Amino acid sequence: MPSGAEMSGTEMQRRKLHVAFFAAYAGAMAAGLLFRGAYAYALLFGGMCAALLWLAWRHVASPSRGRLVAECLFLAVAMNASYQAMAGAVPIVRGTRLDALLYGIDVAVWGTSPNVWAERFASPWLTEVLSVCYIFFMPLLFGSLLRYFFWRRELLGEFYAGLFTVYGLGFLGYLLVPAMGPYLAYPELFSVTLEGGPITQLNTLMVVEGSNKVDVFPSLHCAVSTFILVFAWRHHRREFWLLLAPVVGLWLSTIYLRYHYLVDVACGFALAAFAARVAARFAENTNKGEVGVHASGFQR
């Protein structure tokens, strides 16, 4: 019978899909940038890919909590660094933004732009409420990142496996289908100006100044919040019910505030469903590995 270490290593290899997805994104960025002669950016993304693969290999070769934490911490830092870098890097690789494609899909499916259709509901109070919901994404994400590092550490690997499946494949979507969103690409479509209060102003400032202008397809606001909601259903049922209303408001805000096309939202939901399955498989394989280790130790 395989030793506990061997079995654990085998199980670990089955649980690295999220690393493969994020490394594929970083590697694709590096290759495209290298081809375009953007060597500084290529070095950044290539180094990110190599470092992540090295950290994952160390964890597979000799599993330990410290090595898992190092891998997860690197993913969190790489996610934030690469998001900012994409503002300059993606246009080098993909010079044309594809808003026309996404807008065309929406119109072909719905007969009109859902963003324009939503204008009929515009009011200052609704704009303010949905701006609060949109901003809620930030504490939801960063609170979850910190929570599983410091308080629910037994769920760290499972949560990060799902979350960085979302980010790896989502960032690859930003590279393959770069777009700015309806509010920037098609301002002439809208006859109603969205007005609200101080939260609306803050949210507008954060989006205008913080967006990398390629972060539309798929909607990671929808994908990440949906994954966190599904994760709460699985592990924190009472919390699920507390999160449900603001998260649904967040989904609606992406269309109402004109930040996303409806096709972005739909693909975000699909990505979240896939990531939830990856996280569940991670948990299943972890449990199998622990059973294998205990059984091997008992027989010896």
C-alpha atoms as a PDB file:
ATOM      1  CA  MET A   1       0.000   0.000   0.000  1.00  0.00           C
ATOM      2  CA  PRO A   2       1.331   3.533  -0.769  1.00  0.00           C
ATOM      3  CA  SER A   3       2.749   5.450   2.098  1.00  0.00           C
ATOM      4  CA  GLY A   4       0.828   8.388   3.539  1.00  0.00           C
ATOM      5  CA  ALA A   5       3.243  10.859   1.974  1.00  0.00           C
ATOM      6  CA  GLU A   6       2.929   9.247  -1.453  1.00  0.00           C
ATOM      7  CA  MET A   7      -0.833   9.147  -1.283  1.00  0.00           C
ATOM      8  CA  SER A   8      -0.982  12.717  -0.083  1.00  0.00           C
ATOM      9  CA  GLY A   9       1.224  13.842  -2.962  1.00  0.00           C
ATOM     10  CA  THR A  10      -0.963  12.016  -5.493  1.00  0.00           C
ATOM     11  CA  GLU A  11      -4.067  13.619  -4.086  1.00  0.00           C
ATOM     12  CA  MET A  12      -2.371  17.020  -4.087  1.00  0.00           C
ATOM     13  CA  GLN A  13      -1.698  16.779  -7.810  1.00  0.00           C
ATOM     14  CA  ARG A  14      -5.408  16.293  -8.439  1.00  0.00           C
ATOM     15  CA  ARG A  15      -6.218  19.447  -6.524  1.00  0.00           C
ATOM     16  CA  LYS A  16      -4.091  21.969  -8.416  1.00  0.00           C
ATOM     17  CA  LEU A  17      -6.534  22.937 -11.158  1.00  0.00           C
ATOM     18  CA  HIS A  18      -6.729  26.508  -9.857  1.00  0.00           C
ATOM     19  CA  VAL A  19      -2.935  26.797 -10.081  1.00  0.00           C
ATOM     20  CA  ALA A  20      -3.025  25.471 -13.644  1.00  0.00           C
ATOM     21  CA  PHE A  21      -5.678  28.018 -14.644  1.00  0.00           C
ATOM     22  CA  PHE A  22      -3.897  30.994 -13.084  1.00  0.00           C
ATOM     23  CA  ALA A  23      -0.522  29.874 -14.459  1.00  0.00           C
ATOM     24  CA  ALA A  24      -2.082  29.452 -17.928  1.00  0.00           C
ATOM     25  CA  TYR A  25      -3.346  33.042 -17.767  1.00  0.00           C
ATOM     26  CA  ALA A  26       0.023  34.411 -16.607  1.00  0.00           C
ATOM     27  CA  GLY A  27       1.886  32.291 -19.151  1.00  0.00           C
ATOM     28  CA  ALA A  28      -0.374  33.423 -21.995  1.00  0.00           C
ATOM     29  CA  MET A  29       0.177  37.045 -20.989  1.00  0.00           C
ATOM     30  CA  ALA A  30       3.943  36.534 -20.857  1.00  0.00           C
ATOM     31  CA  ALA A  31       4.042  34.823 -24.268  1.00  0.00           C
ATOM     32  CA  GLY A  32       1.934  37.491 -25.949  1.00  0.00           C
ATOM     33  CA  LEU A  33       3.950  40.315 -24.433  1.00  0.00           C
ATOM     34  CA  LEU A  34       7.237  38.665 -25.373  1.00  0.00           C
ATOM     35  CA  PHE A  35       6.028  38.328 -28.972  1.00  0.00           C
ATOM     36  CA  ARG A  36       5.138  42.034 -28.976  1.00  0.00           C
ATOM     37  CA  GLY A  37       8.535  43.008 -27.579  1.00  0.00           C
ATOM     38  CA  ALA A  38       7.155  44.281 -24.237  1.00  0.00           C
ATOM     39  CA  TYR A  39       9.941  42.654 -22.263  1.00  0.00           C
ATOM     40  CA  ALA A  40       9.350  44.316 -18.891  1.00  0.00           C
ATOM     41  CA  TYR A  41       5.717  43.204 -18.803  1.00  0.00           C
ATOM     42  CA  ALA A  42       6.704  39.772 -20.141  1.00  0.00           C
ATOM     43  CA  LEU A  43       9.205  39.397 -17.314  1.00  0.00           C
ATOM     44  CA  LEU A  44       6.547  40.368 -14.762  1.00  0.00           C
ATOM     45  CA  PHE A  45       3.970  37.839 -15.950  1.00  0.00           C
ATOM     46  CA  GLY A  46       6.541  35.154 -16.767  1.00  0.00           C
ATOM     47  CA  GLY A  47       8.055  35.500 -13.309  1.00  0.00           C
ATOM     48  CA  MET A  48       4.600  35.320 -11.791  1.00  0.00           C
ATOM     49  CA  CYS A  49       3.881  32.092 -13.676  1.00  0.00           C
ATOM     50  CA  ALA A  50       7.226  30.510 -12.758  1.00  0.00           C
ATOM     51  CA  ALA A  51       6.982  31.474  -9.085  1.00  0.00           C
ATOM     52  CA  LEU A  52       3.459  30.098  -8.770  1.00  0.00           C
ATOM     53  CA  LEU A  53       4.399  26.794 -10.398  1.00  0.00           C
ATOM     54  CA  TRP A  54       7.432  26.510  -8.123  1.00  0.00           C
ATOM     55  CA  LEU A  55       5.357  27.138  -4.994  1.00  0.00           C
ATOM     56  CA  ALA A  56       2.760  24.596  -6.134  1.00  0.00           C
ATOM     57  CA  TRP A  57       5.468  22.034  -6.893  1.00  0.00           C
ATOM     58  CA  ARG A  58       6.967  22.498  -3.406  1.00  0.00           C
ATOM     59  CA  HIS A  59       3.558  21.876  -1.860  1.00  0.00           C
ATOM     60  CA  VAL A  60       2.981  18.759  -3.969  1.00  0.00           C
ATOM     61  CA  ALA A  61       6.466  17.396  -3.255  1.00  0.00           C
ATOM     62  CA  SER A  62       6.198  17.909   0.491  1.00  0.00           C
ATOM     63  CA  PRO A  63       2.725  18.946   1.648  1.00  0.00           C
ATOM     64  CA  SER A  64       2.569  21.184   4.711  1.00  0.00           C
ATOM     65  CA  ARG A  65       0.322  23.929   5.960  1.00  0.00           C
ATOM     66  CA  GLY A  66       3.114  26.482   5.648  1.00  0.00           C
ATOM     67  CA  ARG A  67       3.617  25.672   1.968  1.00  0.00           C
ATOM     68  CA  LEU A  68      -0.124  25.846   1.315  1.00  0.00           C
ATOM     69  CA  VAL A  69      -0.254  29.267   2.978  1.00  0.00           C
ATOM     70  CA  ALA A  70       2.712  30.462   0.896  1.00  0.00           C
ATOM     71  CA  GLU A  71       1.000  29.356  -2.317  1.00  0.00           C
ATOM     72  CA  CYS A  72      -2.311  30.982  -1.362  1.00  0.00           C
ATOM     73  CA  LEU A  73      -0.639  34.198  -0.248  1.00  0.00           C
ATOM     74  CA  PHE A  74       1.240  34.411  -3.534  1.00  0.00           C
ATOM     75  CA  LEU A  75      -2.007  33.920  -5.473  1.00  0.00           C
ATOM     76  CA  ALA A  76      -3.650  36.779  -3.566  1.00  0.00           C
ATOM     77  CA  VAL A  77      -0.728  39.128  -4.255  1.00  0.00           C
ATOM     78  CA  ALA A  78      -0.449  38.007  -7.898  1.00  0.00           C
ATOM     79  CA  MET A  79      -4.162  38.595  -8.433  1.00  0.00           C
ATOM     80  CA  ASN A  80      -3.943  42.215  -7.298  1.00  0.00           C
ATOM     81  CA  ALA A  81      -0.646  42.958  -9.051  1.00  0.00           C
ATOM     82  CA  SER A  82      -1.688  41.440 -12.362  1.00  0.00           C
ATOM     83  CA  TYR A  83      -5.059  43.203 -12.336  1.00  0.00           C
ATOM     84  CA  GLN A  84      -3.311  46.572 -12.194  1.00  0.00           C
ATOM     85  CA  ALA A  85      -0.677  45.557 -14.755  1.00  0.00           C
ATOM     86  CA  MET A  86      -3.315  44.474 -17.268  1.00  0.00           C
ATOM     87  CA  ALA A  87      -4.262  48.118 -17.842  1.00  0.00           C
ATOM     88  CA  GLY A  88      -1.048  48.572 -19.804  1.00  0.00           C
ATOM     89  CA  ALA A  89      -0.267  44.994 -20.785  1.00  0.00           C
ATOM     90  CA  VAL A  90      -3.495  43.735 -22.372  1.00  0.00           C
ATOM     91  CA  PRO A  91      -3.733  46.536 -24.992  1.00  0.00           C
ATOM     92  CA  ILE A  92      -0.211  45.587 -26.123  1.00  0.00           C
ATOM     93  CA  VAL A  93      -1.312  42.009 -26.787  1.00  0.00           C
ATOM     94  CA  ARG A  94      -4.877  42.748 -27.881  1.00  0.00           C
ATOM     95  CA  GLY A  95      -5.051  46.205 -29.406  1.00  0.00           C
ATOM     96  CA  THR A  96      -8.786  46.117 -30.182  1.00  0.00           C
ATOM     97  CA  ARG A  97     -11.453  46.124 -27.503  1.00  0.00           C
ATOM     98  CA  LEU A  98     -14.429  43.901 -28.234  1.00  0.00           C
ATOM     99  CA  ASP A  99     -17.336  45.867 -26.788  1.00  0.00           C
ATOM    100  CA  ALA A 100     -19.098  45.696 -30.160  1.00  0.00           C
ATOM    101  CA  LEU A 101     -19.101  41.891 -29.978  1.00  0.00           C
ATOM    102  CA  LEU A 102     -20.550  41.795 -26.462  1.00  0.00           C
ATOM    103  CA  TYR A 103     -23.113  44.503 -27.213  1.00  0.00           C
ATOM    104  CA  GLY A 104     -24.111  42.665 -30.385  1.00  0.00           C
ATOM    105  CA  ILE A 105     -24.681  39.415 -28.474  1.00  0.00           C
ATOM    106  CA  ASP A 106     -26.918  41.206 -25.974  1.00  0.00           C
ATOM    107  CA  VAL A 107     -29.008  42.812 -28.715  1.00  0.00           C
ATOM    108  CA  ALA A 108     -29.204  39.565 -30.720  1.00  0.00           C
ATOM    109  CA  VAL A 109     -30.462  37.632 -27.680  1.00  0.00           C
ATOM    110  CA  TRP A 110     -32.727  40.231 -26.064  1.00  0.00           C
ATOM    111  CA  GLY A 111     -33.681  42.442 -28.974  1.00  0.00           C
ATOM    112  CA  THR A 112     -32.300  45.490 -27.196  1.00  0.00           C
ATOM    113  CA  SER A 113     -29.543  46.440 -24.775  1.00  0.00           C
ATOM    114  CA  PRO A 114     -30.482  45.360 -21.216  1.00  0.00           C
ATOM    115  CA  ASN A 115     -28.496  48.357 -19.963  1.00  0.00           C
ATOM    116  CA  VAL A 116     -30.680  50.752 -21.969  1.00  0.00           C
ATOM    117  CA  TRP A 117     -33.840  48.858 -20.994  1.00  0.00           C
ATOM    118  CA  ALA A 118     -32.946  49.325 -17.316  1.00  0.00           C
ATOM    119  CA  GLU A 119     -33.070  53.126 -17.718  1.00  0.00           C
ATOM    120  CA  ARG A 120     -36.832  53.033 -17.131  1.00  0.00           C
ATOM    121  CA  PHE A 121     -36.183  52.207 -13.473  1.00  0.00           C
ATOM    122  CA  ALA A 122     -33.589  54.953 -12.894  1.00  0.00           C
ATOM    123  CA  SER A 123     -34.026  57.047  -9.775  1.00  0.00           C
ATOM    124  CA  PRO A 124     -31.575  58.658  -7.323  1.00  0.00           C
ATOM    125  CA  TRP A 125     -32.534  56.342  -4.461  1.00  0.00           C
ATOM    126  CA  LEU A 126     -32.189  53.182  -6.567  1.00  0.00           C
ATOM    127  CA  THR A 127     -28.866  54.360  -7.958  1.00  0.00           C
ATOM    128  CA  GLU A 128     -27.606  54.951  -4.427  1.00  0.00           C
ATOM    129  CA  VAL A 129     -28.809  51.549  -3.166  1.00  0.00           C
ATOM    130  CA  LEU A 130     -27.281  49.663  -6.074  1.00  0.00           C
ATOM    131  CA  SER A 131     -24.041  51.625  -5.752  1.00  0.00           C
ATOM    132  CA  VAL A 132     -23.851  50.401  -2.151  1.00  0.00           C
ATOM    133  CA  CYS A 133     -24.366  46.853  -3.418  1.00  0.00           C
ATOM    134  CA  TYR A 134     -21.657  47.263  -6.060  1.00  0.00           C
ATOM    135  CA  ILE A 135     -19.135  48.603  -3.529  1.00  0.00           C
ATOM    136  CA  PHE A 136     -20.055  45.716  -1.219  1.00  0.00           C
ATOM    137  CA  PHE A 137     -17.932  43.539  -3.499  1.00  0.00           C
ATOM    138  CA  MET A 138     -14.714  44.932  -2.005  1.00  0.00           C
ATOM    139  CA  PRO A 139     -15.302  44.059   1.681  1.00  0.00           C
ATOM    140  CA  LEU A 140     -16.899  40.776   0.592  1.00  0.00           C
ATOM    141  CA  LEU A 141     -13.778  39.742  -1.344  1.00  0.00           C
ATOM    142  CA  PHE A 142     -11.043  41.016   0.947  1.00  0.00           C
ATOM    143  CA  GLY A 143     -12.892  39.975   4.077  1.00  0.00           C
ATOM    144  CA  SER A 144     -13.110  36.444   2.679  1.00  0.00           C
ATOM    145  CA  LEU A 145      -9.428  36.405   1.696  1.00  0.00           C
ATOM    146  CA  LEU A 146      -8.436  37.332   5.251  1.00  0.00           C
ATOM    147  CA  ARG A 147     -11.026  35.172   6.955  1.00  0.00           C
ATOM    148  CA  TYR A 148      -9.683  31.892   5.610  1.00  0.00           C
ATOM    149  CA  PHE A 149      -6.110  32.891   6.339  1.00  0.00           C
ATOM    150  CA  PHE A 150      -6.658  33.714   9.987  1.00  0.00           C
ATOM    151  CA  TRP A 151      -9.930  32.281  11.321  1.00  0.00           C
ATOM    152  CA  ARG A 152     -11.319  29.413   9.234  1.00  0.00           C
ATOM    153  CA  ARG A 153      -7.948  28.030   8.245  1.00  0.00           C
ATOM    154  CA  GLU A 154      -9.256  24.513   7.709  1.00  0.00           C
ATOM    155  CA  LEU A 155     -11.138  25.865   4.656  1.00  0.00           C
ATOM    156  CA  LEU A 156      -8.217  27.843   3.217  1.00  0.00           C
ATOM    157  CA  GLY A 157      -7.255  25.404   0.470  1.00  0.00           C
ATOM    158  CA  GLU A 158     -10.827  24.712  -0.611  1.00  0.00           C
ATOM    159  CA  PHE A 159     -11.806  28.390  -0.744  1.00  0.00           C
ATOM    160  CA  TYR A 160      -8.696  29.459  -2.626  1.00  0.00           C
ATOM    161  CA  ALA A 161      -9.038  26.564  -5.085  1.00  0.00           C
ATOM    162  CA  GLY A 162     -12.422  27.898  -6.137  1.00  0.00           C
ATOM    163  CA  LEU A 163     -11.627  31.590  -5.937  1.00  0.00           C
ATOM    164  CA  PHE A 164      -8.493  31.375  -8.061  1.00  0.00           C
ATOM    165  CA  THR A 165     -10.217  29.179 -10.583  1.00  0.00           C
ATOM    166  CA  VAL A 166     -12.506  32.204 -11.000  1.00  0.00           C
ATOM    167  CA  TYR A 167      -9.592  34.626 -11.236  1.00  0.00           C
ATOM    168  CA  GLY A 168      -7.380  32.488 -13.468  1.00  0.00           C
ATOM    169  CA  LEU A 169     -10.092  31.835 -16.054  1.00  0.00           C
ATOM    170  CA  GLY A 170     -11.629  35.284 -15.574  1.00  0.00           C
ATOM    171  CA  PHE A 171      -8.352  37.087 -16.222  1.00  0.00           C
ATOM    172  CA  LEU A 172      -7.847  34.884 -19.275  1.00  0.00           C
ATOM    173  CA  GLY A 173     -11.228  36.195 -20.435  1.00  0.00           C
ATOM    174  CA  TYR A 174      -9.969  39.764 -19.973  1.00  0.00           C
ATOM    175  CA  LEU A 175      -7.051  38.925 -22.249  1.00  0.00           C
ATOM    176  CA  LEU A 176      -9.066  37.161 -24.938  1.00  0.00           C
ATOM    177  CA  VAL A 177     -12.103  39.497 -24.923  1.00  0.00           C
ATOM    178  CA  PRO A 178     -10.927  42.895 -23.645  1.00  0.00           C
ATOM    179  CA  ALA A 179     -13.735  45.434 -23.263  1.00  0.00           C
ATOM    180  CA  MET A 180     -14.500  48.661 -21.395  1.00  0.00           C
ATOM    181  CA  GLY A 181     -18.200  48.238 -20.638  1.00  0.00           C
ATOM    182  CA  PRO A 182     -21.326  50.049 -21.887  1.00  0.00           C
ATOM    183  CA  TYR A 183     -20.804  53.198 -19.806  1.00  0.00           C
ATOM    184  CA  LEU A 184     -17.514  53.931 -21.580  1.00  0.00           C
ATOM    185  CA  ALA A 185     -18.000  52.264 -24.970  1.00  0.00           C
ATOM    186  CA  TYR A 186     -21.536  53.489 -25.704  1.00  0.00           C
ATOM    187  CA  PRO A 187     -22.383  56.588 -23.632  1.00  0.00           C
ATOM    188  CA  GLU A 188     -24.520  57.893 -26.511  1.00  0.00           C
ATOM    189  CA  LEU A 189     -27.020  55.062 -25.974  1.00  0.00           C
ATOM    190  CA  PHE A 190     -28.212  56.462 -22.664  1.00  0.00           C
ATOM    191  CA  SER A 191     -30.657  59.327 -22.313  1.00  0.00           C
ATOM    192  CA  VAL A 192     -30.858  59.238 -18.519  1.00  0.00           C
ATOM    193  CA  THR A 193     -27.982  60.316 -16.285  1.00  0.00           C
ATOM    194  CA  LEU A 194     -27.636  58.135 -13.200  1.00  0.00           C
ATOM    195  CA  GLU A 195     -27.665  60.398 -10.162  1.00  0.00           C
ATOM    196  CA  GLY A 196     -27.418  59.432  -6.528  1.00  0.00           C
ATOM    197  CA  GLY A 197     -25.826  60.427  -3.255  1.00  0.00           C
ATOM    198  CA  PRO A 198     -22.315  60.242  -1.779  1.00  0.00           C
ATOM    199  CA  ILE A 199     -21.984  56.469  -2.219  1.00  0.00           C
ATOM    200  CA  THR A 200     -22.835  56.820  -5.908  1.00  0.00           C
ATOM    201  CA  GLN A 201     -20.131  59.455  -6.263  1.00  0.00           C
ATOM    202  CA  LEU A 202     -17.605  57.307  -4.406  1.00  0.00           C
ATOM    203  CA  ASN A 203     -18.472  54.246  -6.469  1.00  0.00           C
ATOM    204  CA  THR A 204     -18.158  56.176  -9.733  1.00  0.00           C
ATOM    205  CA  LEU A 205     -14.763  57.493  -8.669  1.00  0.00           C
ATOM    206  CA  MET A 206     -13.537  54.019  -7.694  1.00  0.00           C
ATOM    207  CA  VAL A 207     -14.650  52.514 -11.005  1.00  0.00           C
ATOM    208  CA  VAL A 208     -13.270  55.300 -13.189  1.00  0.00           C
ATOM    209  CA  GLU A 209      -9.930  55.497 -11.383  1.00  0.00           C
ATOM    210  CA  GLY A 210      -9.543  51.847 -10.370  1.00  0.00           C
ATOM    211  CA  SER A 211     -10.664  49.958 -13.461  1.00  0.00           C
ATOM    212  CA  ASN A 212      -8.015  48.650 -15.845  1.00  0.00           C
ATOM    213  CA  LYS A 213     -10.455  49.264 -18.749  1.00  0.00           C
ATOM    214  CA  VAL A 214     -10.339  45.650 -19.981  1.00  0.00           C
ATOM    215  CA  ASP A 215     -12.192  44.046 -17.049  1.00  0.00           C
ATOM    216  CA  VAL A 216     -15.627  43.312 -18.459  1.00  0.00           C
ATOM    217  CA  PHE A 217     -15.835  39.751 -19.809  1.00  0.00           C
ATOM    218  CA  PRO A 218     -16.665  37.755 -17.799  1.00  0.00           C
ATOM    219  CA  SER A 219     -18.114  39.754 -14.920  1.00  0.00           C
ATOM    220  CA  LEU A 220     -15.904  38.864 -11.976  1.00  0.00           C
ATOM    221  CA  HIS A 221     -18.117  40.929  -9.689  1.00  0.00           C
ATOM    222  CA  CYS A 222     -20.822  38.371 -10.447  1.00  0.00           C
ATOM    223  CA  ALA A 223     -18.524  35.332 -10.593  1.00  0.00           C
ATOM    224  CA  VAL A 224     -16.685  36.024  -7.319  1.00  0.00           C
ATOM    225  CA  SER A 225     -19.772  37.053  -5.347  1.00  0.00           C
ATOM    226  CA  THR A 226     -21.685  34.001  -6.608  1.00  0.00           C
ATOM    227  CA  PHE A 227     -18.841  31.663  -5.682  1.00  0.00           C
ATOM    228  CA  ILE A 228     -18.657  33.178  -2.181  1.00  0.00           C
ATOM    229  CA  LEU A 229     -22.423  32.825  -1.847  1.00  0.00           C
ATOM    230  CA  VAL A 230     -22.298  29.152  -2.888  1.00  0.00           C
ATOM    231  CA  PHE A 231     -19.385  28.593  -0.499  1.00  0.00           C
ATOM    232  CA  ALA A 232     -21.435  30.150   2.302  1.00  0.00           C
ATOM    233  CA  TRP A 233     -24.338  27.823   1.474  1.00  0.00           C
ATOM    234  CA  ARG A 234     -22.006  24.881   1.882  1.00  0.00           C
ATOM    235  CA  HIS A 235     -20.168  25.964   5.031  1.00  0.00           C
ATOM    236  CA  HIS A 236     -21.964  28.917   6.671  1.00  0.00           C
ATOM    237  CA  ARG A 237     -25.685  28.489   6.045  1.00  0.00           C
ATOM    238  CA  ARG A 238     -26.831  31.370   8.249  1.00  0.00           C
ATOM    239  CA  GLU A 239     -24.324  33.677   6.570  1.00  0.00           C
ATOM    240  CA  PHE A 240     -25.722  32.681   3.172  1.00  0.00           C
ATOM    241  CA  TRP A 241     -29.078  34.194   4.052  1.00  0.00           C
ATOM    242  CA  LEU A 242     -27.431  37.385   5.307  1.00  0.00           C
ATOM    243  CA  LEU A 243     -25.429  37.743   2.088  1.00  0.00           C
ATOM    244  CA  LEU A 244     -28.214  36.885  -0.331  1.00  0.00           C
ATOM    245  CA  ALA A 245     -29.916  40.291  -0.635  1.00  0.00           C
ATOM    246  CA  PRO A 246     -26.773  42.441  -1.063  1.00  0.00           C
ATOM    247  CA  VAL A 247     -25.258  39.934  -3.498  1.00  0.00           C
ATOM    248  CA  VAL A 248     -28.410  39.858  -5.643  1.00  0.00           C
ATOM    249  CA  GLY A 249     -28.334  43.656  -5.543  1.00  0.00           C
ATOM    250  CA  LEU A 250     -24.709  43.496  -6.692  1.00  0.00           C
ATOM    251  CA  TRP A 251     -25.705  41.343  -9.681  1.00  0.00           C
ATOM    252  CA  LEU A 252     -28.445  43.797 -10.666  1.00  0.00           C
ATOM    253  CA  SER A 253     -26.115  46.757 -10.226  1.00  0.00           C
ATOM    254  CA  THR A 254     -23.728  45.511 -12.913  1.00  0.00           C
ATOM    255  CA  ILE A 255     -26.451  46.058 -15.549  1.00  0.00           C
ATOM    256  CA  TYR A 256     -28.240  49.044 -14.012  1.00  0.00           C
ATOM    257  CA  LEU A 257     -24.997  51.009 -13.472  1.00  0.00           C
ATOM    258  CA  ARG A 258     -23.911  50.124 -17.050  1.00  0.00           C
ATOM    259  CA  TYR A 259     -20.653  48.463 -16.101  1.00  0.00           C
ATOM    260  CA  HIS A 260     -21.345  45.090 -17.773  1.00  0.00           C
ATOM    261  CA  TYR A 261     -23.196  43.553 -20.678  1.00  0.00           C
ATOM    262  CA  LEU A 262     -25.661  40.819 -19.797  1.00  0.00           C
ATOM    263  CA  VAL A 263     -23.525  38.202 -21.551  1.00  0.00           C
ATOM    264  CA  ASP A 264     -20.719  39.077 -19.104  1.00  0.00           C
ATOM    265  CA  VAL A 265     -23.044  38.402 -16.191  1.00  0.00           C
ATOM    266  CA  ALA A 266     -24.258  35.091 -17.612  1.00  0.00           C
ATOM    267  CA  CYS A 267     -20.701  33.885 -18.187  1.00  0.00           C
ATOM    268  CA  GLY A 268     -19.769  35.045 -14.688  1.00  0.00           C
ATOM    269  CA  PHE A 269     -22.470  32.809 -13.229  1.00  0.00           C
ATOM    270  CA  ALA A 270     -21.264  29.868 -15.322  1.00  0.00           C
ATOM    271  CA  LEU A 271     -17.677  30.460 -14.179  1.00  0.00           C
ATOM    272  CA  ALA A 272     -18.797  30.558 -10.533  1.00  0.00           C
ATOM    273  CA  ALA A 273     -20.620  27.239 -10.933  1.00  0.00           C
ATOM    274  CA  PHE A 274     -17.504  25.636 -12.394  1.00  0.00           C
ATOM    275  CA  ALA A 275     -15.301  27.106  -9.633  1.00  0.00           C
ATOM    276  CA  ALA A 276     -17.670  25.823  -6.959  1.00  0.00           C
ATOM    277  CA  ARG A 277     -17.273  22.344  -8.425  1.00  0.00           C
ATOM    278  CA  VAL A 278     -13.476  22.681  -8.444  1.00  0.00           C
ATOM    279  CA  ALA A 279     -13.570  23.714  -4.772  1.00  0.00           C
ATOM    280  CA  ALA A 280     -15.839  20.783  -3.914  1.00  0.00           C
ATOM    281  CA  ARG A 281     -13.487  18.366  -5.671  1.00  0.00           C
ATOM    282  CA  PHE A 282     -10.583  19.890  -3.757  1.00  0.00           C
ATOM    283  CA  ALA A 283     -12.414  19.171  -0.497  1.00  0.00           C
ATOM    284  CA  GLU A 284     -13.312  15.632  -1.588  1.00  0.00           C
ATOM    285  CA  ASN A 285      -9.714  14.832  -2.538  1.00  0.00           C
ATOM    286  CA  THR A 286      -8.427  16.364   0.684  1.00  0.00           C
ATOM    287  CA  ASN A 287     -10.726  14.134   2.710  1.00  0.00           C
ATOM    288  CA  LYS A 288      -9.691  11.083   0.697  1.00  0.00           C
ATOM    289  CA  GLY A 289      -6.039  11.944   1.231  1.00  0.00           C
ATOM    290  CA  GLU A 290      -6.540  12.279   4.983  1.00  0.00           C
ATOM    291  CA  VAL A 291      -8.347   8.926   5.100  1.00  0.00           C
ATOM    292  CA  GLY A 292      -5.513   7.349   3.095  1.00  0.00           C
ATOM    293  CA  VAL A 293      -2.862   8.760   5.406  1.00  0.00           C
ATOM    294  CA  HIS A 294      -4.666   7.499   8.512  1.00  0.00           C
ATOM    295  CA  ALA A 295      -5.302   4.068   6.981  1.00  0.00           C
ATOM    296  CA  SER A 296      -1.692   3.692   5.883  1.00  0.00           C
ATOM    297  CA  GLY A 297      -0.444   4.722   9.284  1.00  0.00           C
ATOM    298  CA  PHE A 298      -2.779   2.247  10.975  1.00  0.00           C
ATOM    299  CA  GLN A 299      -1.698  -0.694   8.817  1.00  0.00           C
ATOM    300  CA  ARG A 300       1.940   0.006   9.478  1.00  0.00           C
END
